[in-house]
C-alpha atoms as a PDB file:
ATOM      1  CA  MET A   1      57.800 135.095 107.682  1.00  0.00           C
ATOM      2  CA  THR A   2      60.730 134.716 110.112  1.00  0.00           C
ATOM      3  CA  GLU A   3      62.561 131.468 110.816  1.00  0.00           C
ATOM      4  CA  CYS A   4      62.850 130.359 114.442  1.00  0.00           C
ATOM      5  CA  PRO A   5      66.579 130.231 115.315  1.00  0.00           C
ATOM      6  CA  ALA A   6      65.962 127.152 117.454  1.00  0.00           C
ATOM      7  CA  CYS A   7      63.860 124.801 115.323  1.00  0.00           C
ATOM      8  CA  ALA A   8      63.682 126.604 111.922  1.00  0.00           C
ATOM      9  CA  SER A   9      59.876 126.727 111.940  1.00  0.00           C
ATOM     10  CA  GLN A  10      58.187 129.864 110.650  1.00  0.00           C
ATOM     11  CA  ALA A  11      56.955 132.589 113.006  1.00  0.00           C
ATOM     12  CA  ASP A  12      54.989 135.207 111.138  1.00  0.00           C
ATOM     13  CA  PHE A  13      54.020 137.839 113.703  1.00  0.00           C
ATOM     14  CA  PRO A  14      55.587 139.577 116.715  1.00  0.00           C
ATOM     15  CA  THR A  15      54.079 138.790 120.124  1.00  0.00           C
ATOM     16  CA  TYR A  16      55.297 141.991 121.775  1.00  0.00           C
ATOM     17  CA  VAL A  17      57.981 144.671 121.628  1.00  0.00           C
ATOM     18  CA  ALA A  18      60.944 144.891 124.026  1.00  0.00           C
ATOM     19  CA  ALA A  19      63.719 147.487 123.925  1.00  0.00           C
ATOM     20  CA  HIS A  20      61.896 148.928 120.887  1.00  0.00           C
ATOM     21  CA  GLU A  21      62.503 145.673 118.980  1.00  0.00           C
ATOM     22  CA  PRO A  22      59.915 143.032 117.955  1.00  0.00           C
ATOM     23  CA  VAL A  23      59.911 139.715 119.806  1.00  0.00           C
ATOM     24  CA  LEU A  24      58.485 136.622 118.109  1.00  0.00           C
ATOM     25  CA  LYS A  25      57.323 133.311 119.539  1.00  0.00           C
ATOM     26  CA  CYS A  26      57.713 130.074 117.626  1.00  0.00           C
ATOM     27  CA  GLN A  27      54.392 128.279 117.300  1.00  0.00           C
ATOM     28  CA  LYS A  28      56.132 124.878 117.149  1.00  0.00           C
ATOM     29  CA  CYS A  29      58.734 124.853 119.937  1.00  0.00           C
ATOM     30  CA  GLY A  30      57.641 127.885 121.983  1.00  0.00           C
ATOM     31  CA  SER A  31      61.030 129.610 121.893  1.00  0.00           C
ATOM     32  CA  THR A  32      60.982 133.407 121.874  1.00  0.00           C
ATOM     33  CA  PHE A  33      63.474 135.534 119.983  1.00  0.00           C
ATOM     34  CA  PHE A  34      64.243 138.994 118.740  1.00  0.00           C
ATOM     35  CA  ALA A  35      63.635 139.346 115.011  1.00  0.00           C
ATOM     36  CA  ARG A  36      66.752 138.782 112.885  1.00  0.00           C
ATOM     37  CA  PRO A  37      68.954 140.379 111.777  1.00  0.00           C
ATOM     38  CA  ILE A  38      69.825 142.111 115.027  1.00  0.00           C
ATOM     39  CA  ALA A  39      69.865 145.846 114.340  1.00  0.00           C
ATOM     40  CA  ARG A  40      72.447 146.695 117.027  1.00  0.00           C
ATOM     41  CA  PRO A  41      74.635 143.643 117.673  1.00  0.00           C
ATOM     42  CA  HIS A  42      76.674 143.599 120.867  1.00  0.00           C
ATOM     43  CA  ASP A  43      80.479 143.931 120.765  1.00  0.00           C
ATOM     44  CA  TYR A  44      81.758 140.829 122.565  1.00  0.00           C
ATOM     45  CA  GLY A  45      85.379 141.730 121.973  1.00  0.00           C
ATOM     46  CA  THR A  46      85.229 143.946 125.061  1.00  0.00           C
ATOM     47  CA  TYR A  47      83.101 141.633 127.243  1.00  0.00           C
ATOM     48  CA  TYR A  48      84.211 141.139 130.870  1.00  0.00           C
ATOM     49  CA  PRO A  49      85.732 144.637 131.277  1.00  0.00           C
ATOM     50  CA  TYR A  50      85.669 144.255 135.081  1.00  0.00           C
ATOM     51  CA  LEU A  51      88.453 141.644 134.871  1.00  0.00           C
ATOM     52  CA  ASP A  52      90.955 144.468 134.489  1.00  0.00           C
ATOM     53  CA  GLU A  53      90.258 145.311 138.145  1.00  0.00           C
ATOM     54  CA  PHE A  54      91.030 141.789 139.426  1.00  0.00           C
ATOM     55  CA  ASP A  55      94.400 141.099 141.027  1.00  0.00           C
ATOM     56  CA  ARG A  56      95.917 137.621 141.313  1.00  0.00           C
ATOM     57  CA  PRO A  57      94.388 136.827 144.733  1.00  0.00           C
ATOM     58  CA  ARG A  58      90.956 137.755 143.378  1.00  0.00           C
ATOM     59  CA  PHE A  59      91.350 135.421 140.379  1.00  0.00           C
ATOM     60  CA  GLN A  60      92.432 132.605 142.699  1.00  0.00           C
ATOM     61  CA  TRP A  61      89.445 133.265 144.949  1.00  0.00           C
ATOM     62  CA  GLU A  62      87.069 133.210 141.973  1.00  0.00           C
ATOM     63  CA  ILE A  63      88.351 129.881 140.663  1.00  0.00           C
ATOM     64  CA  SER A  64      88.377 128.335 144.145  1.00  0.00           C
ATOM     65  CA  LYS A  65      84.659 129.107 144.520  1.00  0.00           C
ATOM     66  CA  ARG A  66      83.931 127.290 141.249  1.00  0.00           C
ATOM     67  CA  ARG A  67      86.195 124.270 141.674  1.00  0.00           C
ATOM     68  CA  LYS A  68      83.744 121.836 143.359  1.00  0.00           C
ATOM     69  CA  SER A  69      80.946 122.683 140.932  1.00  0.00           C
ATOM     70  CA  VAL A  70      83.170 122.199 137.876  1.00  0.00           C
ATOM     71  CA  GLN A  71      84.605 118.957 139.268  1.00  0.00           C
ATOM     72  CA  PHE A  72      81.049 117.645 139.712  1.00  0.00           C
ATOM     73  CA  GLN A  73      80.174 118.575 136.126  1.00  0.00           C
ATOM     74  CA  LEU A  74      83.343 116.920 134.805  1.00  0.00           C
ATOM     75  CA  ARG A  75      82.456 113.694 136.622  1.00  0.00           C
ATOM     76  CA  GLU A  76      79.040 113.784 134.956  1.00  0.00           C
ATOM     77  CA  ILE A  77      80.726 114.136 131.565  1.00  0.00           C
ATOM     78  CA  GLU A  78      83.123 111.265 132.281  1.00  0.00           C
ATOM     79  CA  ARG A  79      80.192 108.962 133.080  1.00  0.00           C
ATOM     80  CA  LEU A  80      79.017 109.480 129.487  1.00  0.00           C
ATOM     81  CA  CYS A  81      82.237 107.824 128.229  1.00  0.00           C
ATOM     82  CA  PRO A  82      83.379 110.437 125.689  1.00  0.00           C
ATOM     83  CA  PRO A  83      85.796 109.172 123.006  1.00  0.00           C
ATOM     84  CA  GLY A  84      88.946 110.782 124.391  1.00  0.00           C
ATOM     85  CA  ARG A  85      90.213 113.439 126.829  1.00  0.00           C
ATOM     86  CA  THR A  86      90.246 116.586 124.690  1.00  0.00           C
ATOM     87  CA  LEU A  87      87.768 119.172 125.983  1.00  0.00           C
ATOM     88  CA  VAL A  88      87.022 122.562 124.428  1.00  0.00           C
ATOM     89  CA  ASP A  89      84.971 125.173 126.289  1.00  0.00           C
ATOM     90  CA  PHE A  90      83.243 127.494 123.803  1.00  0.00           C
ATOM     91  CA  GLY A  91      82.705 130.906 125.402  1.00  0.00           C
ATOM     92  CA  ALA A  92      85.239 130.165 128.111  1.00  0.00           C
ATOM     93  CA  GLY A  93      85.551 133.687 129.524  1.00  0.00           C
ATOM     94  CA  PRO A  94      88.619 133.880 131.781  1.00  0.00           C
ATOM     95  CA  GLY A  95      88.946 130.117 131.622  1.00  0.00           C
ATOM     96  CA  TYR A  96      87.756 128.792 134.974  1.00  0.00           C
ATOM     97  CA  PHE A  97      86.220 125.654 133.436  1.00  0.00           C
ATOM     98  CA  PRO A  98      89.119 124.601 131.158  1.00  0.00           C
ATOM     99  CA  ALA A  99      91.627 125.403 133.912  1.00  0.00           C
ATOM    100  CA  ILE A 100      89.887 123.094 136.383  1.00  0.00           C
ATOM    101  CA  ALA A 101      89.426 120.494 133.640  1.00  0.00           C
ATOM    102  CA  ARG A 102      93.178 120.499 133.069  1.00  0.00           C
ATOM    103  CA  GLU A 103      93.680 119.894 136.816  1.00  0.00           C
ATOM    104  CA  ALA A 104      91.440 116.822 136.400  1.00  0.00           C
ATOM    105  CA  GLY A 105      93.576 115.430 133.585  1.00  0.00           C
ATOM    106  CA  TRP A 106      91.795 116.775 130.524  1.00  0.00           C
ATOM    107  CA  ASN A 107      93.600 118.169 127.492  1.00  0.00           C
ATOM    108  CA  SER A 108      91.583 121.375 127.648  1.00  0.00           C
ATOM    109  CA  PHE A 109      91.214 124.514 125.550  1.00  0.00           C
ATOM    110  CA  GLY A 110      89.054 127.627 125.626  1.00  0.00           C
ATOM    111  CA  ILE A 111      87.381 129.620 122.854  1.00  0.00           C
ATOM    112  CA  GLU A 112      86.647 133.254 123.687  1.00  0.00           C
ATOM    113  CA  THR A 113      86.131 136.425 121.647  1.00  0.00           C
ATOM    114  CA  SER A 114      86.664 138.807 124.580  1.00  0.00           C
ATOM    115  CA  THR A 115      90.227 140.098 124.686  1.00  0.00           C
ATOM    116  CA  PRO A 116      90.151 141.005 128.429  1.00  0.00           C
ATOM    117  CA  ALA A 117      88.909 137.503 129.250  1.00  0.00           C
ATOM    118  CA  SER A 118      91.319 135.522 127.065  1.00  0.00           C
ATOM    119  CA  GLU A 119      94.292 137.593 128.212  1.00  0.00           C
ATOM    120  CA  ALA A 120      93.327 137.042 131.851  1.00  0.00           C
ATOM    121  CA  GLY A 121      92.795 133.292 131.378  1.00  0.00           C
ATOM    122  CA  ALA A 122      96.122 132.807 129.626  1.00  0.00           C
ATOM    123  CA  ARG A 123      97.968 134.911 132.200  1.00  0.00           C
ATOM    124  CA  GLU A 124      96.358 133.676 135.412  1.00  0.00           C
ATOM    125  CA  PHE A 125      95.511 130.037 134.642  1.00  0.00           C
ATOM    126  CA  ASP A 126      97.682 129.123 131.623  1.00  0.00           C
ATOM    127  CA  VAL A 127      94.550 128.390 129.608  1.00  0.00           C
ATOM    128  CA  ARG A 128      95.206 127.653 125.941  1.00  0.00           C
ATOM    129  CA  TYR A 129      92.801 129.552 123.715  1.00  0.00           C
ATOM    130  CA  THR A 130      91.919 128.566 120.178  1.00  0.00           C
ATOM    131  CA  THR A 131      89.137 129.148 117.632  1.00  0.00           C
ATOM    132  CA  LEU A 132      86.636 126.850 115.979  1.00  0.00           C
ATOM    133  CA  ASN A 133      88.451 127.292 112.656  1.00  0.00           C
ATOM    134  CA  GLN A 134      91.773 126.259 114.177  1.00  0.00           C
ATOM    135  CA  LEU A 135      90.385 122.995 115.553  1.00  0.00           C
ATOM    136  CA  LYS A 136      90.745 119.953 113.318  1.00  0.00           C
ATOM    137  CA  ASP A 137      87.556 118.162 112.341  1.00  0.00           C
ATOM    138  CA  GLY A 138      86.883 115.195 114.622  1.00  0.00           C
ATOM    139  CA  SER A 139      89.602 116.220 117.084  1.00  0.00           C
ATOM    140  CA  CYS A 140      87.491 116.847 120.209  1.00  0.00           C
ATOM    141  CA  ALA A 141      85.897 114.417 122.651  1.00  0.00           C
ATOM    142  CA  VAL A 142      83.891 117.016 124.573  1.00  0.00           C
ATOM    143  CA  MET A 143      82.677 120.511 123.781  1.00  0.00           C
ATOM    144  CA  THR A 144      80.889 122.738 126.270  1.00  0.00           C
ATOM    145  CA  ALA A 145      78.875 125.886 125.583  1.00  0.00           C
ATOM    146  CA  PHE A 146      77.751 127.560 128.796  1.00  0.00           C
ATOM    147  CA  HIS A 147      75.474 130.557 128.200  1.00  0.00           C
ATOM    148  CA  VAL A 148      76.540 131.036 124.606  1.00  0.00           C
ATOM    149  CA  LEU A 149      73.700 129.956 122.308  1.00  0.00           C
ATOM    150  CA  GLU A 150      71.282 132.614 123.550  1.00  0.00           C
ATOM    151  CA  HIS A 151      73.746 135.272 122.314  1.00  0.00           C
ATOM    152  CA  LEU A 152      74.091 133.946 118.756  1.00  0.00           C
ATOM    153  CA  ASP A 153      72.275 135.051 115.606  1.00  0.00           C
ATOM    154  CA  SER A 154      72.318 131.473 114.255  1.00  0.00           C
ATOM    155  CA  PRO A 155      72.826 128.980 117.106  1.00  0.00           C
ATOM    156  CA  ALA A 156      72.132 125.930 114.925  1.00  0.00           C
ATOM    157  CA  ALA A 157      74.855 126.963 112.466  1.00  0.00           C
ATOM    158  CA  VAL A 158      77.421 127.200 115.275  1.00  0.00           C
ATOM    159  CA  LEU A 159      76.305 123.837 116.676  1.00  0.00           C
ATOM    160  CA  LYS A 160      76.829 122.293 113.224  1.00  0.00           C
ATOM    161  CA  THR A 161      80.411 123.548 113.241  1.00  0.00           C
ATOM    162  CA  MET A 162      80.927 122.197 116.761  1.00  0.00           C
ATOM    163  CA  HIS A 163      79.520 118.855 115.616  1.00  0.00           C
ATOM    164  CA  ARG A 164      82.117 118.739 112.853  1.00  0.00           C
ATOM    165  CA  LYS A 165      84.914 119.291 115.384  1.00  0.00           C
ATOM    166  CA  LEU A 166      83.715 116.469 117.641  1.00  0.00           C
ATOM    167  CA  ALA A 167      84.666 112.854 117.132  1.00  0.00           C
ATOM    168  CA  HIS A 168      81.835 110.416 116.483  1.00  0.00           C
ATOM    169  CA  GLY A 169      80.105 109.840 119.809  1.00  0.00           C
ATOM    170  CA  GLY A 170      81.548 113.047 121.248  1.00  0.00           C
ATOM    171  CA  VAL A 171      79.698 114.830 124.042  1.00  0.00           C
ATOM    172  CA  LEU A 172      78.219 118.324 123.863  1.00  0.00           C
ATOM    173  CA  VAL A 173      77.139 120.072 127.080  1.00  0.00           C
ATOM    174  CA  VAL A 174      74.935 123.163 126.827  1.00  0.00           C
ATOM    175  CA  HIS A 175      73.638 125.573 129.457  1.00  0.00           C
ATOM    176  CA  VAL A 176      71.117 128.226 128.388  1.00  0.00           C
ATOM    177  CA  PRO A 177      68.644 130.414 130.287  1.00  0.00           C
ATOM    178  CA  ASN A 178      65.127 128.994 130.253  1.00  0.00           C
ATOM    179  CA  ARG A 179      62.750 131.055 128.100  1.00  0.00           C
ATOM    180  CA  GLU A 180      60.681 132.154 131.080  1.00  0.00           C
ATOM    181  CA  SER A 181      61.451 131.151 134.652  1.00  0.00           C
ATOM    182  CA  MET A 182      58.883 131.167 137.443  1.00  0.00           C
ATOM    183  CA  SER A 183      60.225 134.411 138.934  1.00  0.00           C
ATOM    184  CA  SER A 184      60.108 136.269 135.605  1.00  0.00           C
ATOM    185  CA  LEU A 185      56.585 134.990 134.912  1.00  0.00           C
ATOM    186  CA  LEU A 186      55.348 136.153 138.319  1.00  0.00           C
ATOM    187  CA  ARG A 187      56.985 139.564 137.870  1.00  0.00           C
ATOM    188  CA  TYR A 188      55.123 139.940 134.575  1.00  0.00           C
ATOM    189  CA  VAL A 189      51.801 138.871 136.099  1.00  0.00           C
ATOM    190  CA  LEU A 190      52.282 141.254 139.022  1.00  0.00           C
ATOM    191  CA  ARG A 191      52.982 144.179 136.694  1.00  0.00           C
ATOM    192  CA  ARG A 192      49.814 143.369 134.774  1.00  0.00           C
ATOM    193  CA  LEU A 193      47.730 143.235 137.948  1.00  0.00           C
ATOM    194  CA  LEU A 194      49.164 146.560 139.125  1.00  0.00           C
ATOM    195  CA  ARG A 195      48.684 148.031 135.619  1.00  0.00           C
ATOM    196  CA  ARG A 196      52.337 148.993 135.419  1.00  0.00           C
ATOM    197  CA  PRO A 197      54.188 149.210 132.093  1.00  0.00           C
ATOM    198  CA  GLY A 198      56.692 146.551 131.147  1.00  0.00           C
ATOM    199  CA  GLY A 199      57.010 143.848 128.525  1.00  0.00           C
ATOM    200  CA  ARG A 200      57.197 140.091 128.916  1.00  0.00           C
ATOM    201  CA  TYR A 201      60.951 139.761 128.707  1.00  0.00           C
ATOM    202  CA  GLY A 202      61.713 136.410 130.345  1.00  0.00           C
ATOM    203  CA  SER A 203      65.358 135.575 129.638  1.00  0.00           C
ATOM    204  CA  LEU A 204      65.569 138.007 126.703  1.00  0.00           C
ATOM    205  CA  TYR A 205      67.388 141.309 126.844  1.00  0.00           C
ATOM    206  CA  TYR A 206      68.525 143.212 123.799  1.00  0.00           C
ATOM    207  CA  PRO A 207      71.022 142.916 122.160  1.00  0.00           C
ATOM    208  CA  GLU A 208      72.749 140.199 124.188  1.00  0.00           C
ATOM    209  CA  HIS A 209      70.186 137.497 125.016  1.00  0.00           C
ATOM    210  CA  ILE A 210      68.409 137.310 121.685  1.00  0.00           C
ATOM    211  CA  THR A 211      66.873 133.818 121.900  1.00  0.00           C
ATOM    212  CA  GLY A 212      64.837 132.425 124.793  1.00  0.00           C
ATOM    213  CA  PHE A 213      65.014 128.622 124.543  1.00  0.00           C
ATOM    214  CA  THR A 214      62.458 126.073 125.654  1.00  0.00           C
ATOM    215  CA  ARG A 215      63.325 122.425 126.302  1.00  0.00           C
ATOM    216  CA  GLY A 216      61.813 121.497 122.957  1.00  0.00           C
ATOM    217  CA  GLY A 217      63.507 124.349 121.132  1.00  0.00           C
ATOM    218  CA  LEU A 218      66.954 123.472 122.467  1.00  0.00           C
ATOM    219  CA  ALA A 219      66.514 119.776 121.663  1.00  0.00           C
ATOM    220  CA  LEU A 220      65.361 120.546 118.105  1.00  0.00           C
ATOM    221  CA  CYS A 221      68.200 123.032 117.590  1.00  0.00           C
ATOM    222  CA  ALA A 222      70.785 120.398 118.560  1.00  0.00           C
ATOM    223  CA  ASP A 223      69.021 117.716 116.512  1.00  0.00           C
ATOM    224  CA  ARG A 224      69.281 119.906 113.399  1.00  0.00           C
ATOM    225  CA  ALA A 225      73.044 120.073 114.008  1.00  0.00           C
ATOM    226  CA  GLY A 226      73.491 116.299 114.298  1.00  0.00           C
ATOM    227  CA  PHE A 227      73.165 115.649 118.042  1.00  0.00           C
ATOM    228  CA  ASP A 228      71.042 113.186 119.992  1.00  0.00           C
ATOM    229  CA  LEU A 229      69.742 114.270 123.372  1.00  0.00           C
ATOM    230  CA  ILE A 230      71.086 112.268 126.313  1.00  0.00           C
ATOM    231  CA  LYS A 231      69.380 114.209 129.097  1.00  0.00           C
ATOM    232  CA  MET A 232      68.055 117.678 129.839  1.00  0.00           C
ATOM    233  CA  ARG A 233      67.240 119.219 133.190  1.00  0.00           C
ATOM    234  CA  ASN A 234      65.794 122.403 134.633  1.00  0.00           C
ATOM    235  CA  ARG A 235      68.015 123.929 137.303  1.00  0.00           C
ATOM    236  CA  SER A 236      68.112 127.150 139.328  1.00  0.00           C
ATOM    237  CA  LEU A 237      70.096 128.984 141.982  1.00  0.00           C
ATOM    238  CA  TRP A 238      72.059 126.848 144.473  1.00  0.00           C
ATOM    239  CA  SER A 239      72.305 123.849 142.127  1.00  0.00           C
ATOM    240  CA  ARG A 240      75.717 122.378 141.310  1.00  0.00           C
ATOM    241  CA  PHE A 241      75.398 123.656 137.737  1.00  0.00           C
ATOM    242  CA  TYR A 242      74.793 127.252 138.757  1.00  0.00           C
ATOM    243  CA  ASP A 243      77.237 130.098 139.228  1.00  0.00           C
ATOM    244  CA  PRO A 244      78.683 130.101 142.761  1.00  0.00           C
ATOM    245  CA  TRP A 245      76.695 131.939 145.408  1.00  0.00           C
ATOM    246  CA  LEU A 246      79.171 134.781 146.016  1.00  0.00           C
ATOM    247  CA  VAL A 247      77.549 136.619 148.928  1.00  0.00           C
ATOM    248  CA  ARG A 248      80.580 138.895 149.143  1.00  0.00           C
ATOM    249  CA  ASN A 249      79.673 140.431 145.765  1.00  0.00           C
ATOM    250  CA  PHE A 250      76.385 141.761 147.160  1.00  0.00           C
ATOM    251  CA  PHE A 251      78.146 143.839 149.788  1.00  0.00           C
ATOM    252  CA  PHE A 252      81.541 144.832 148.380  1.00  0.00           C
ATOM    253  CA  GLU A 253      82.890 146.350 145.160  1.00  0.00           C
ATOM    254  CA  ILE A 254      85.797 144.691 143.370  1.00  0.00           C
ATOM    255  CA  ASP A 255      88.201 147.066 145.121  1.00  0.00           C
ATOM    256  CA  GLY A 256      86.788 146.118 148.529  1.00  0.00           C
ATOM    257  CA  LYS A 257      84.692 149.229 149.103  1.00  0.00           C
ATOM    258  CA  PRO A 258      81.260 148.576 150.658  1.00  0.00           C
ATOM    259  CA  LYS A 259      78.182 148.629 148.408  1.00  0.00           C
ATOM    260  CA  ARG A 260      74.928 150.259 149.377  1.00  0.00           C
ATOM    261  CA  GLY A 261      71.744 148.211 149.431  1.00  0.00           C
ATOM    262  CA  GLY A 262      73.552 144.873 149.515  1.00  0.00           C
ATOM    263  CA  LEU A 263      71.122 143.243 151.930  1.00  0.00           C
ATOM    264  CA  LEU A 264      68.120 144.206 149.811  1.00  0.00           C
ATOM    265  CA  ARG A 265      69.764 142.802 146.659  1.00  0.00           C
ATOM    266  CA  LEU A 266      70.623 139.607 148.521  1.00  0.00           C
ATOM    267  CA  VAL A 267      67.022 139.170 149.694  1.00  0.00           C
ATOM    268  CA  ARG A 268      65.664 139.805 146.189  1.00  0.00           C
ATOM    269  CA  GLN A 269      68.065 137.326 144.624  1.00  0.00           C
ATOM    270  CA  SER A 270      67.242 134.739 147.280  1.00  0.00           C
ATOM    271  CA  MET A 271      63.502 135.121 146.731  1.00  0.00           C
ATOM    272  CA  SER A 272      63.942 134.896 142.967  1.00  0.00           C
ATOM    273  CA  GLY A 273      66.079 131.774 143.372  1.00  0.00           C
ATOM    274  CA  LEU A 274      63.536 130.174 145.688  1.00  0.00           C
ATOM    275  CA  LEU A 275      60.705 130.801 143.211  1.00  0.00           C
ATOM    276  CA  ASP A 276      62.738 129.399 140.317  1.00  0.00           C
ATOM    277  CA  ASN A 277      63.625 126.271 142.301  1.00  0.00           C
ATOM    278  CA  ILE A 278      59.922 125.726 142.918  1.00  0.00           C
ATOM    279  CA  GLY A 279      59.309 126.433 139.229  1.00  0.00           C
ATOM    280  CA  SER A 280      61.841 123.771 138.215  1.00  0.00           C
ATOM    281  CA  VAL A 281      59.257 121.148 139.127  1.00  0.00           C
ATOM    282  CA  CYS A 282      56.960 122.373 136.329  1.00  0.00           C
ATOM    283  CA  GLY A 283      59.636 123.325 133.795  1.00  0.00           C
ATOM    284  CA  ARG A 284      60.027 126.943 134.877  1.00  0.00           C
ATOM    285  CA  GLY A 285      63.467 126.817 136.434  1.00  0.00           C
ATOM    286  CA  ASP A 286      66.076 129.430 135.570  1.00  0.00           C
ATOM    287  CA  TRP A 287      68.445 127.380 133.387  1.00  0.00           C
ATOM    288  CA  LEU A 288      68.286 124.438 130.990  1.00  0.00           C
ATOM    289  CA  ILE A 289      71.157 121.962 131.406  1.00  0.00           C
ATOM    290  CA  ALA A 290      71.523 119.569 128.470  1.00  0.00           C
ATOM    291  CA  HIS A 291      73.904 116.786 127.460  1.00  0.00           C
ATOM    292  CA  PHE A 292      74.026 115.607 123.836  1.00  0.00           C
ATOM    293  CA  ARG A 293      75.964 113.048 121.834  1.00  0.00           C
ATOM    294  CA  ALA A 294      77.234 113.582 118.279  1.00  0.00           C
ATOM    295  CA  ARG A 295      75.788 110.998 115.921  1.00  0.00           C
END
C-alpha cells in the first residue's frame, strides 16, 4: 500500500507506467503521483541554468513583463487582510515576485534552492533570500508557493512547516498544475484513437513533477497542514495568474539569434491554451490557483 502525498489515503496499485516508473491514482481525491520514494530525484541546486546567459537588460525586461500580473495578485492577497506585511515566496527563482512585492511596500523574502537563481535575484533585484529553518515561527503574514508542491516528495510535510512560520490567520497562496488539463486529456485520447504509444501523463513528468493535484487533493493536503480553504480556481493561459505571454521567446534564443519553427510552436501553444481555457469551465484548466488561511 502507498500513501497518497496529497490526502494520505492508501493507493494500492499502479494505474500505468511513465518514464519506466509506476504512477498511482488516489481513489479518494483523484490525485496521481509517482510511487515514493523517487528513485532518481532531481537536483534543484542547478535549476534555472539559462539565467547565466541573461544580461541586466534581459532581467529588467523579464520583470517588466510580470509586473502587472504580480501587482494584481498582491492586491488579491491584500483584500484577504493578512496579519502583517511580511511576505515570503517559497521557490522564488530569480525573485520576480518578492522584488515586485517590495516595490508595493511588502517586507519580502525569497526561498530558493537553486544557486544560479538566488545569485541572480540578489544581484539584479536585491532580493533577500532565506530558508524555512531561518524563519521564526509565527513571523510571516503571507507565504506563497508557486509551482513548488508538485516537485516535493512530501508536500503536506512542507506545508506544515510553512504553517508554523505563519502568524495565526496568515495567508498561503498556492499555484500547482492541474492533474490533467483539457489539452493533455485530448492528446491522450487522440493517441489512443490513432493507436500510437504514449502514457497518460497529464501534468506529471519524471522526476520533477511527481504529484498531479486535483482540487480535492490540494484542499485536503492543505487541510492536513492546518489551513482552511478561502477560494480555489482553475486558470489557464492568458489569465492574470499565468506566466507572461512572451511571444519573443518563440522566435529568438536568449542571445537574440532566430529560432527555427517558432511560428509552429506559437500556434501549438495557442491551441493548447485555448483548449485549457475551455476546459476551465469543467475543472480541466491548466493550473489550480488556491488561497488558504492558517487556522
